[in-house]
Amino acid sequence: MKPNKLFIKNFLLLLEGLGLNPKAFIIFIRGVPLYFKSLRKLKKQLKQRQDFALKLYPILGEYNHSSGIMKGHYFHQDLLIARKIFINNPCKHIDIGSRIDGFIAHVAAFREIYVFDIRHQKSNVLNIRTHQMDVMTLPKELINSLESISSLHAIEHFGLGRYGDPIDVDGHIKAIQNIFMMLKPNGKFYFSVPIGKQRIEFNAHRVFSLKYLLNLFENKFFINHFHYVNDQGDLFEDIELTDKLIEQNCNCYYGCGIFELNRI
């Protein structure tokens, strides 16, 4: 990503963090004329009717939207790994920190799923069993006990304090080591994180190089399948990790690497 584009992106993220969204504001202003034109037309049609009261609730940014967005890290990884779990059908599946209203909801539609997260969760939903836990600390009772674990777009946050977790520069290393220890031999680990030029974007997340990740997996996990989502939000499935792709991080600045792993 070019420096100017990166600066603009980060500036817009800062404004959104402050509760300001310049893009949404511009879209809103552009939609005002059509909104009032449509309102006048509707009022005219309602003039001789009494079956609906009219109240204003302006939504001005969706006139030219598509039916939805089928792109991006979460959209693709959540569907892909939910599908894999459906096919593999483990007796018990544990998730660590993945998105509740995405991946967890997909899996809960067809089976029970246990969720470990450092954040609390008060809601009770069918098929979702939540447990508050910091996976940077190894739960001794779970060593060599689990056959199937997922952690999607989560471990990049560990140890950066974003979710109230303790600051630990090695938080991601401890989490991966502990997941390795929790899995039974040959147990499955579904894992995704941002990929690109390696960096910490504090306090949002880490971005990992593929070479670094492969070194973390060495002597721990065997890679069954690798997939990735590129900077444009498109999914590439079952990609062979050649030396060139590893060196170039699949040509990603902020992509998403999705791994299907087995404990050695």
C-alpha atoms as a PDB file:
ATOM      1  CA  MET A   1       0.000   0.000   0.000  1.00  0.00           C
ATOM      2  CA  LYS A   2       1.370   3.447  -0.949  1.00  0.00           C
ATOM      3  CA  PRO A   3       2.305   5.770   1.959  1.00  0.00           C
ATOM      4  CA  ASN A   4      -0.334   8.396   1.050  1.00  0.00           C
ATOM      5  CA  LYS A   5      -3.120   5.801   0.856  1.00  0.00           C
ATOM      6  CA  LEU A   6      -1.957   4.265   4.130  1.00  0.00           C
ATOM      7  CA  PHE A   7      -1.993   7.674   5.838  1.00  0.00           C
ATOM      8  CA  ILE A   8      -5.532   8.372   4.583  1.00  0.00           C
ATOM      9  CA  LYS A   9      -6.713   4.924   5.705  1.00  0.00           C
ATOM     10  CA  ASN A  10      -5.241   5.371   9.188  1.00  0.00           C
ATOM     11  CA  PHE A  11      -6.652   8.905   9.457  1.00  0.00           C
ATOM     12  CA  LEU A  12     -10.142   7.675   8.561  1.00  0.00           C
ATOM     13  CA  LEU A  13      -9.819   4.864  11.109  1.00  0.00           C
ATOM     14  CA  LEU A  14      -8.860   7.451  13.741  1.00  0.00           C
ATOM     15  CA  LEU A  15     -11.935   9.554  12.903  1.00  0.00           C
ATOM     16  CA  GLU A  16     -14.165   6.462  13.111  1.00  0.00           C
ATOM     17  CA  GLY A  17     -12.641   5.687  16.502  1.00  0.00           C
ATOM     18  CA  LEU A  18     -13.726   9.171  17.597  1.00  0.00           C
ATOM     19  CA  GLY A  19     -17.256   8.455  16.380  1.00  0.00           C
ATOM     20  CA  LEU A  20     -16.866  10.354  13.074  1.00  0.00           C
ATOM     21  CA  ASN A  21     -17.350   8.803   9.643  1.00  0.00           C
ATOM     22  CA  PRO A  22     -16.594  11.280   6.807  1.00  0.00           C
ATOM     23  CA  LYS A  23     -17.479   8.787   4.055  1.00  0.00           C
ATOM     24  CA  ALA A  24     -20.892   8.048   5.577  1.00  0.00           C
ATOM     25  CA  PHE A  25     -21.518  11.794   6.002  1.00  0.00           C
ATOM     26  CA  ILE A  26     -20.763  12.516   2.310  1.00  0.00           C
ATOM     27  CA  ILE A  27     -23.039   9.654   1.202  1.00  0.00           C
ATOM     28  CA  PHE A  28     -25.762  10.968   3.531  1.00  0.00           C
ATOM     29  CA  ILE A  29     -25.590  14.500   2.058  1.00  0.00           C
ATOM     30  CA  ARG A  30     -25.696  13.179  -1.515  1.00  0.00           C
ATOM     31  CA  GLY A  31     -28.834  11.193  -0.685  1.00  0.00           C
ATOM     32  CA  VAL A  32     -30.813  14.150   0.696  1.00  0.00           C
ATOM     33  CA  PRO A  33     -32.371  15.386  -2.615  1.00  0.00           C
ATOM     34  CA  LEU A  34     -33.588  11.920  -3.613  1.00  0.00           C
ATOM     35  CA  TYR A  35     -34.935  11.317  -0.093  1.00  0.00           C
ATOM     36  CA  PHE A  36     -37.155  14.411  -0.182  1.00  0.00           C
ATOM     37  CA  LYS A  37     -38.248  13.720  -3.749  1.00  0.00           C
ATOM     38  CA  SER A  38     -39.301  10.190  -2.710  1.00  0.00           C
ATOM     39  CA  LEU A  39     -40.973  11.537   0.452  1.00  0.00           C
ATOM     40  CA  ARG A  40     -43.141  13.937  -1.521  1.00  0.00           C
ATOM     41  CA  LYS A  41     -44.175  11.120  -3.860  1.00  0.00           C
ATOM     42  CA  LEU A  42     -45.065   8.818  -0.935  1.00  0.00           C
ATOM     43  CA  LYS A  43     -47.062  11.545   0.849  1.00  0.00           C
ATOM     44  CA  LYS A  44     -49.066  12.092  -2.301  1.00  0.00           C
ATOM     45  CA  GLN A  45     -49.838   8.353  -2.536  1.00  0.00           C
ATOM     46  CA  LEU A  46     -50.824   8.221   1.162  1.00  0.00           C
ATOM     47  CA  LYS A  47     -53.102  11.241   0.955  1.00  0.00           C
ATOM     48  CA  GLN A  48     -56.312   9.244   0.574  1.00  0.00           C
ATOM     49  CA  ARG A  49     -55.310   6.420   2.971  1.00  0.00           C
ATOM     50  CA  GLN A  50     -55.495   5.960   6.732  1.00  0.00           C
ATOM     51  CA  ASP A  51     -53.895   2.524   7.218  1.00  0.00           C
ATOM     52  CA  PHE A  52     -50.320   3.736   7.911  1.00  0.00           C
ATOM     53  CA  ALA A  53     -48.995   6.580  10.042  1.00  0.00           C
ATOM     54  CA  LEU A  54     -45.963   8.283   8.508  1.00  0.00           C
ATOM     55  CA  LYS A  55     -42.831   8.906  10.579  1.00  0.00           C
ATOM     56  CA  LEU A  56     -39.420   9.930   9.261  1.00  0.00           C
ATOM     57  CA  TYR A  57     -36.465   7.564   9.572  1.00  0.00           C
ATOM     58  CA  PRO A  58     -33.970   8.632   6.862  1.00  0.00           C
ATOM     59  CA  ILE A  59     -31.568   5.993   5.493  1.00  0.00           C
ATOM     60  CA  LEU A  60     -29.726   7.814   2.737  1.00  0.00           C
ATOM     61  CA  GLY A  61     -26.734   5.656   1.822  1.00  0.00           C
ATOM     62  CA  GLU A  62     -28.266   2.547   0.263  1.00  0.00           C
ATOM     63  CA  TYR A  63     -29.849   3.731  -2.986  1.00  0.00           C
ATOM     64  CA  ASN A  64     -27.151   2.204  -5.164  1.00  0.00           C
ATOM     65  CA  HIS A  65     -25.860  -0.583  -2.905  1.00  0.00           C
ATOM     66  CA  SER A  66     -25.545  -4.190  -4.049  1.00  0.00           C
ATOM     67  CA  SER A  67     -27.559  -6.877  -2.268  1.00  0.00           C
ATOM     68  CA  GLY A  68     -24.639  -7.402   0.111  1.00  0.00           C
ATOM     69  CA  ILE A  69     -20.859  -7.705   0.315  1.00  0.00           C
ATOM     70  CA  MET A  70     -19.373 -11.132  -0.353  1.00  0.00           C
ATOM     71  CA  LYS A  71     -15.751 -10.142   0.197  1.00  0.00           C
ATOM     72  CA  GLY A  72     -13.246  -9.704   2.966  1.00  0.00           C
ATOM     73  CA  HIS A  73     -11.366 -11.662   5.617  1.00  0.00           C
ATOM     74  CA  TYR A  74     -14.274 -12.512   7.897  1.00  0.00           C
ATOM     75  CA  PHE A  75     -16.822 -13.317   5.206  1.00  0.00           C
ATOM     76  CA  HIS A  76     -14.586 -15.893   3.525  1.00  0.00           C
ATOM     77  CA  GLN A  77     -12.798 -17.416   6.521  1.00  0.00           C
ATOM     78  CA  ASP A  78     -16.004 -17.845   8.561  1.00  0.00           C
ATOM     79  CA  LEU A  79     -17.844 -19.692   5.795  1.00  0.00           C
ATOM     80  CA  LEU A  80     -14.830 -21.735   4.732  1.00  0.00           C
ATOM     81  CA  ILE A  81     -13.906 -23.058   8.179  1.00  0.00           C
ATOM     82  CA  ALA A  82     -17.536 -23.600   9.233  1.00  0.00           C
ATOM     83  CA  ARG A  83     -17.866 -25.782   6.134  1.00  0.00           C
ATOM     84  CA  LYS A  84     -14.720 -27.719   7.065  1.00  0.00           C
ATOM     85  CA  ILE A  85     -16.014 -28.391  10.580  1.00  0.00           C
ATOM     86  CA  PHE A  86     -19.336 -29.576   9.165  1.00  0.00           C
ATOM     87  CA  ILE A  87     -17.479 -32.046   6.927  1.00  0.00           C
ATOM     88  CA  ASN A  88     -15.007 -33.261   9.583  1.00  0.00           C
ATOM     89  CA  ASN A  89     -17.673 -33.410  12.325  1.00  0.00           C
ATOM     90  CA  PRO A  90     -15.484 -33.667  15.448  1.00  0.00           C
ATOM     91  CA  CYS A  91     -17.048 -34.994  18.660  1.00  0.00           C
ATOM     92  CA  LYS A  92     -16.223 -31.680  20.357  1.00  0.00           C
ATOM     93  CA  HIS A  93     -15.050 -28.418  18.833  1.00  0.00           C
ATOM     94  CA  ILE A  94     -13.428 -25.549  20.769  1.00  0.00           C
ATOM     95  CA  ASP A  95     -13.023 -22.026  19.446  1.00  0.00           C
ATOM     96  CA  ILE A  96     -10.668 -19.381  20.794  1.00  0.00           C
ATOM     97  CA  GLY A  97     -11.654 -15.758  20.289  1.00  0.00           C
ATOM     98  CA  SER A  98     -13.305 -15.915  16.857  1.00  0.00           C
ATOM     99  CA  ARG A  99     -16.152 -13.639  15.858  1.00  0.00           C
ATOM    100  CA  ILE A 100     -19.396 -14.564  17.638  1.00  0.00           C
ATOM    101  CA  ASP A 101     -21.751 -12.994  15.064  1.00  0.00           C
ATOM    102  CA  GLY A 102     -19.879 -14.624  12.179  1.00  0.00           C
ATOM    103  CA  PHE A 103     -17.996 -17.892  12.462  1.00  0.00           C
ATOM    104  CA  ILE A 104     -19.462 -18.984  15.819  1.00  0.00           C
ATOM    105  CA  ALA A 105     -23.006 -18.332  14.612  1.00  0.00           C
ATOM    106  CA  HIS A 106     -22.357 -20.298  11.401  1.00  0.00           C
ATOM    107  CA  VAL A 107     -21.148 -23.351  13.334  1.00  0.00           C
ATOM    108  CA  ALA A 108     -23.878 -23.087  15.987  1.00  0.00           C
ATOM    109  CA  ALA A 109     -26.483 -23.403  13.223  1.00  0.00           C
ATOM    110  CA  PHE A 110     -25.633 -27.102  12.854  1.00  0.00           C
ATOM    111  CA  ARG A 111     -23.739 -28.212  15.992  1.00  0.00           C
ATOM    112  CA  GLU A 112     -22.576 -27.361  19.505  1.00  0.00           C
ATOM    113  CA  ILE A 113     -19.457 -25.191  19.830  1.00  0.00           C
ATOM    114  CA  TYR A 114     -17.463 -24.218  22.928  1.00  0.00           C
ATOM    115  CA  VAL A 115     -15.997 -20.695  22.945  1.00  0.00           C
ATOM    116  CA  PHE A 116     -12.986 -19.573  25.014  1.00  0.00           C
ATOM    117  CA  ASP A 117     -12.512 -15.788  25.118  1.00  0.00           C
ATOM    118  CA  ILE A 118     -10.845 -13.318  27.471  1.00  0.00           C
ATOM    119  CA  ARG A 119     -13.963 -11.140  27.152  1.00  0.00           C
ATOM    120  CA  HIS A 120     -17.076 -11.898  29.164  1.00  0.00           C
ATOM    121  CA  GLN A 121     -20.306 -13.004  27.505  1.00  0.00           C
ATOM    122  CA  LYS A 122     -23.689 -12.778  29.236  1.00  0.00           C
ATOM    123  CA  SER A 123     -25.963 -13.995  26.435  1.00  0.00           C
ATOM    124  CA  ASN A 124     -27.171 -17.593  26.307  1.00  0.00           C
ATOM    125  CA  VAL A 125     -27.734 -19.013  22.833  1.00  0.00           C
ATOM    126  CA  LEU A 126     -28.544 -22.551  21.736  1.00  0.00           C
ATOM    127  CA  ASN A 127     -25.430 -24.574  20.808  1.00  0.00           C
ATOM    128  CA  ILE A 128     -22.952 -21.905  22.021  1.00  0.00           C
ATOM    129  CA  ARG A 129     -21.126 -22.671  25.281  1.00  0.00           C
ATOM    130  CA  THR A 130     -18.946 -19.759  26.424  1.00  0.00           C
ATOM    131  CA  HIS A 131     -16.108 -19.740  28.940  1.00  0.00           C
ATOM    132  CA  GLN A 132     -14.019 -16.688  29.903  1.00  0.00           C
ATOM    133  CA  MET A 133     -10.349 -17.630  29.662  1.00  0.00           C
ATOM    134  CA  ASP A 134      -6.932 -16.141  28.843  1.00  0.00           C
ATOM    135  CA  VAL A 135      -5.325 -18.693  26.511  1.00  0.00           C
ATOM    136  CA  MET A 136      -1.907 -17.051  26.997  1.00  0.00           C
ATOM    137  CA  THR A 137      -2.002 -19.102  30.227  1.00  0.00           C
ATOM    138  CA  LEU A 138      -2.152 -22.858  29.713  1.00  0.00           C
ATOM    139  CA  PRO A 139      -5.143 -24.586  31.367  1.00  0.00           C
ATOM    140  CA  LYS A 140      -3.475 -27.724  32.761  1.00  0.00           C
ATOM    141  CA  GLU A 141      -6.684 -29.752  32.706  1.00  0.00           C
ATOM    142  CA  LEU A 142      -6.908 -29.390  28.908  1.00  0.00           C
ATOM    143  CA  ILE A 143      -3.429 -30.674  28.011  1.00  0.00           C
ATOM    144  CA  ASN A 144      -3.618 -33.355  25.275  1.00  0.00           C
ATOM    145  CA  SER A 145      -7.413 -33.422  25.529  1.00  0.00           C
ATOM    146  CA  LEU A 146      -8.906 -31.693  22.467  1.00  0.00           C
ATOM    147  CA  GLU A 147      -9.373 -33.006  18.939  1.00  0.00           C
ATOM    148  CA  SER A 148     -10.500 -29.824  17.148  1.00  0.00           C
ATOM    149  CA  ILE A 149      -9.711 -26.150  17.807  1.00  0.00           C
ATOM    150  CA  SER A 150     -10.251 -22.969  15.787  1.00  0.00           C
ATOM    151  CA  SER A 151      -8.970 -19.450  16.267  1.00  0.00           C
ATOM    152  CA  LEU A 152      -9.859 -17.095  13.414  1.00  0.00           C
ATOM    153  CA  HIS A 153      -8.550 -13.538  13.262  1.00  0.00           C
ATOM    154  CA  ALA A 154      -7.943 -13.533  17.024  1.00  0.00           C
ATOM    155  CA  ILE A 155      -4.376 -14.434  17.990  1.00  0.00           C
ATOM    156  CA  GLU A 156      -2.982 -11.300  16.328  1.00  0.00           C
ATOM    157  CA  HIS A 157      -4.538  -9.353  19.225  1.00  0.00           C
ATOM    158  CA  PHE A 158      -3.159 -11.394  22.115  1.00  0.00           C
ATOM    159  CA  GLY A 159      -0.949  -9.349  24.439  1.00  0.00           C
ATOM    160  CA  LEU A 160      -1.694  -5.934  22.922  1.00  0.00           C
ATOM    161  CA  GLY A 161      -4.242  -4.885  25.566  1.00  0.00           C
ATOM    162  CA  ARG A 162      -7.041  -4.105  23.117  1.00  0.00           C
ATOM    163  CA  TYR A 163      -9.509  -6.364  24.914  1.00  0.00           C
ATOM    164  CA  GLY A 164      -8.251  -5.872  28.449  1.00  0.00           C
ATOM    165  CA  ASP A 165      -5.610  -8.589  28.112  1.00  0.00           C
ATOM    166  CA  PRO A 166      -2.201  -8.062  29.778  1.00  0.00           C
ATOM    167  CA  ILE A 167       0.520  -6.509  27.595  1.00  0.00           C
ATOM    168  CA  ASP A 168       2.792  -9.300  26.404  1.00  0.00           C
ATOM    169  CA  VAL A 169       4.898  -8.948  23.264  1.00  0.00           C
ATOM    170  CA  ASP A 170       4.992 -12.769  23.036  1.00  0.00           C
ATOM    171  CA  GLY A 171       1.255 -13.222  23.574  1.00  0.00           C
ATOM    172  CA  HIS A 172       0.740 -14.794  20.148  1.00  0.00           C
ATOM    173  CA  ILE A 173       3.610 -17.254  20.677  1.00  0.00           C
ATOM    174  CA  LYS A 174       2.247 -18.345  24.061  1.00  0.00           C
ATOM    175  CA  ALA A 175      -1.247 -18.826  22.610  1.00  0.00           C
ATOM    176  CA  ILE A 176      -0.021 -21.014  19.731  1.00  0.00           C
ATOM    177  CA  GLN A 177       2.174 -23.053  22.078  1.00  0.00           C
ATOM    178  CA  ASN A 178      -0.735 -23.565  24.471  1.00  0.00           C
ATOM    179  CA  ILE A 179      -3.074 -24.602  21.658  1.00  0.00           C
ATOM    180  CA  PHE A 180      -0.445 -27.119  20.570  1.00  0.00           C
ATOM    181  CA  MET A 181      -0.345 -28.467  24.137  1.00  0.00           C
ATOM    182  CA  MET A 182      -4.146 -28.661  24.382  1.00  0.00           C
ATOM    183  CA  LEU A 183      -4.539 -30.666  21.182  1.00  0.00           C
ATOM    184  CA  LYS A 184      -4.317 -34.420  21.055  1.00  0.00           C
ATOM    185  CA  PRO A 185      -1.699 -35.820  18.642  1.00  0.00           C
ATOM    186  CA  ASN A 186      -3.009 -35.322  15.099  1.00  0.00           C
ATOM    187  CA  GLY A 187      -5.716 -32.967  16.434  1.00  0.00           C
ATOM    188  CA  LYS A 188      -6.942 -30.295  14.006  1.00  0.00           C
ATOM    189  CA  PHE A 189      -6.259 -26.576  14.354  1.00  0.00           C
ATOM    190  CA  TYR A 190      -8.057 -24.080  12.080  1.00  0.00           C
ATOM    191  CA  PHE A 191      -6.124 -20.820  12.251  1.00  0.00           C
ATOM    192  CA  SER A 192      -6.167 -17.426  10.562  1.00  0.00           C
ATOM    193  CA  VAL A 193      -4.352 -14.129  11.051  1.00  0.00           C
ATOM    194  CA  PRO A 194      -3.511 -11.045   8.959  1.00  0.00           C
ATOM    195  CA  ILE A 195      -0.553 -11.565   6.597  1.00  0.00           C
ATOM    196  CA  GLY A 196       1.774  -9.074   4.948  1.00  0.00           C
ATOM    197  CA  LYS A 197       4.920  -7.192   5.866  1.00  0.00           C
ATOM    198  CA  GLN A 198       5.426  -8.098   9.517  1.00  0.00           C
ATOM    199  CA  ARG A 199       4.486  -5.344  11.967  1.00  0.00           C
ATOM    200  CA  ILE A 200       2.499  -4.396  15.051  1.00  0.00           C
ATOM    201  CA  GLU A 201      -0.220  -1.800  14.453  1.00  0.00           C
ATOM    202  CA  PHE A 202      -0.758  -0.841  18.090  1.00  0.00           C
ATOM    203  CA  ASN A 203      -3.114  -1.431  19.684  1.00  0.00           C
ATOM    204  CA  ALA A 204      -5.209  -2.970  16.909  1.00  0.00           C
ATOM    205  CA  HIS A 205      -3.322  -6.088  15.854  1.00  0.00           C
ATOM    206  CA  ARG A 206      -0.182  -7.754  14.522  1.00  0.00           C
ATOM    207  CA  VAL A 207       0.380  -8.531  10.859  1.00  0.00           C
ATOM    208  CA  PHE A 208       2.536 -11.626  10.252  1.00  0.00           C
ATOM    209  CA  SER A 209       4.866 -12.623   7.453  1.00  0.00           C
ATOM    210  CA  LEU A 210       4.297 -16.135   6.129  1.00  0.00           C
ATOM    211  CA  LYS A 211       7.928 -17.034   6.793  1.00  0.00           C
ATOM    212  CA  TYR A 212       7.516 -16.109  10.467  1.00  0.00           C
ATOM    213  CA  LEU A 213       4.318 -18.147  10.797  1.00  0.00           C
ATOM    214  CA  LEU A 214       5.866 -21.201   9.178  1.00  0.00           C
ATOM    215  CA  ASN A 215       8.745 -20.999  11.653  1.00  0.00           C
ATOM    216  CA  LEU A 216       6.202 -20.898  14.520  1.00  0.00           C
ATOM    217  CA  PHE A 217       4.536 -24.051  13.153  1.00  0.00           C
ATOM    218  CA  GLU A 218       7.791 -25.964  12.772  1.00  0.00           C
ATOM    219  CA  ASN A 219       7.933 -29.147  14.869  1.00  0.00           C
ATOM    220  CA  LYS A 220       4.384 -28.447  16.075  1.00  0.00           C
ATOM    221  CA  PHE A 221       1.970 -28.558  13.157  1.00  0.00           C
ATOM    222  CA  PHE A 222       1.653 -30.114   9.726  1.00  0.00           C
ATOM    223  CA  ILE A 223      -0.058 -27.869   7.132  1.00  0.00           C
ATOM    224  CA  ASN A 224      -2.868 -29.758   5.392  1.00  0.00           C
ATOM    225  CA  HIS A 225      -4.322 -26.802   3.479  1.00  0.00           C
ATOM    226  CA  PHE A 226      -3.516 -23.131   3.047  1.00  0.00           C
ATOM    227  CA  HIS A 227      -5.938 -20.487   1.777  1.00  0.00           C
ATOM    228  CA  TYR A 228      -5.728 -16.720   1.744  1.00  0.00           C
ATOM    229  CA  VAL A 229      -7.801 -13.595   1.208  1.00  0.00           C
ATOM    230  CA  ASN A 230      -5.984 -10.890  -0.740  1.00  0.00           C
ATOM    231  CA  ASP A 231      -5.982  -7.123  -0.238  1.00  0.00           C
ATOM    232  CA  GLN A 232      -9.059  -6.840  -2.471  1.00  0.00           C
ATOM    233  CA  GLY A 233     -11.046  -9.229  -0.263  1.00  0.00           C
ATOM    234  CA  ASP A 234     -11.092 -12.228  -2.621  1.00  0.00           C
ATOM    235  CA  LEU A 235     -10.528 -15.823  -1.472  1.00  0.00           C
ATOM    236  CA  PHE A 236      -7.935 -18.181  -2.967  1.00  0.00           C
ATOM    237  CA  GLU A 237      -8.404 -21.800  -1.820  1.00  0.00           C
ATOM    238  CA  ASP A 238      -5.929 -24.675  -1.510  1.00  0.00           C
ATOM    239  CA  ILE A 239      -2.842 -22.733  -2.537  1.00  0.00           C
ATOM    240  CA  GLU A 240       0.565 -24.387  -2.687  1.00  0.00           C
ATOM    241  CA  LEU A 241       2.969 -22.335  -0.582  1.00  0.00           C
ATOM    242  CA  THR A 242       5.907 -21.872  -2.938  1.00  0.00           C
ATOM    243  CA  ASP A 243       9.087 -20.064  -1.898  1.00  0.00           C
ATOM    244  CA  LYS A 244       8.028 -17.073  -4.008  1.00  0.00           C
ATOM    245  CA  LEU A 245       4.582 -16.787  -2.392  1.00  0.00           C
ATOM    246  CA  ILE A 246       6.132 -17.104   1.060  1.00  0.00           C
ATOM    247  CA  GLU A 247       8.708 -14.409   0.318  1.00  0.00           C
ATOM    248  CA  GLN A 248       6.044 -12.065  -1.101  1.00  0.00           C
ATOM    249  CA  ASN A 249       3.362 -12.915   1.505  1.00  0.00           C
ATOM    250  CA  CYS A 250       1.034 -13.802  -1.386  1.00  0.00           C
ATOM    251  CA  ASN A 251       1.436 -10.172  -2.555  1.00  0.00           C
ATOM    252  CA  CYS A 252      -0.572  -8.994   0.456  1.00  0.00           C
ATOM    253  CA  TYR A 253      -0.115  -5.842   2.519  1.00  0.00           C
ATOM    254  CA  TYR A 254      -3.048  -6.690   4.780  1.00  0.00           C
ATOM    255  CA  GLY A 255      -4.346 -10.056   3.670  1.00  0.00           C
ATOM    256  CA  CYS A 256      -5.593 -13.021   5.668  1.00  0.00           C
ATOM    257  CA  GLY A 257      -3.773 -16.345   5.835  1.00  0.00           C
ATOM    258  CA  ILE A 258      -6.054 -19.309   6.632  1.00  0.00           C
ATOM    259  CA  PHE A 259      -4.396 -22.552   7.730  1.00  0.00           C
ATOM    260  CA  GLU A 260      -5.751 -26.032   8.315  1.00  0.00           C
ATOM    261  CA  LEU A 261      -3.206 -27.668  10.593  1.00  0.00           C
ATOM    262  CA  ASN A 262      -2.715 -30.957  12.398  1.00  0.00           C
ATOM    263  CA  ARG A 263      -0.661 -31.359  15.539  1.00  0.00           C
ATOM    264  CA  ILE A 264       2.442 -33.424  14.839  1.00  0.00           C
END
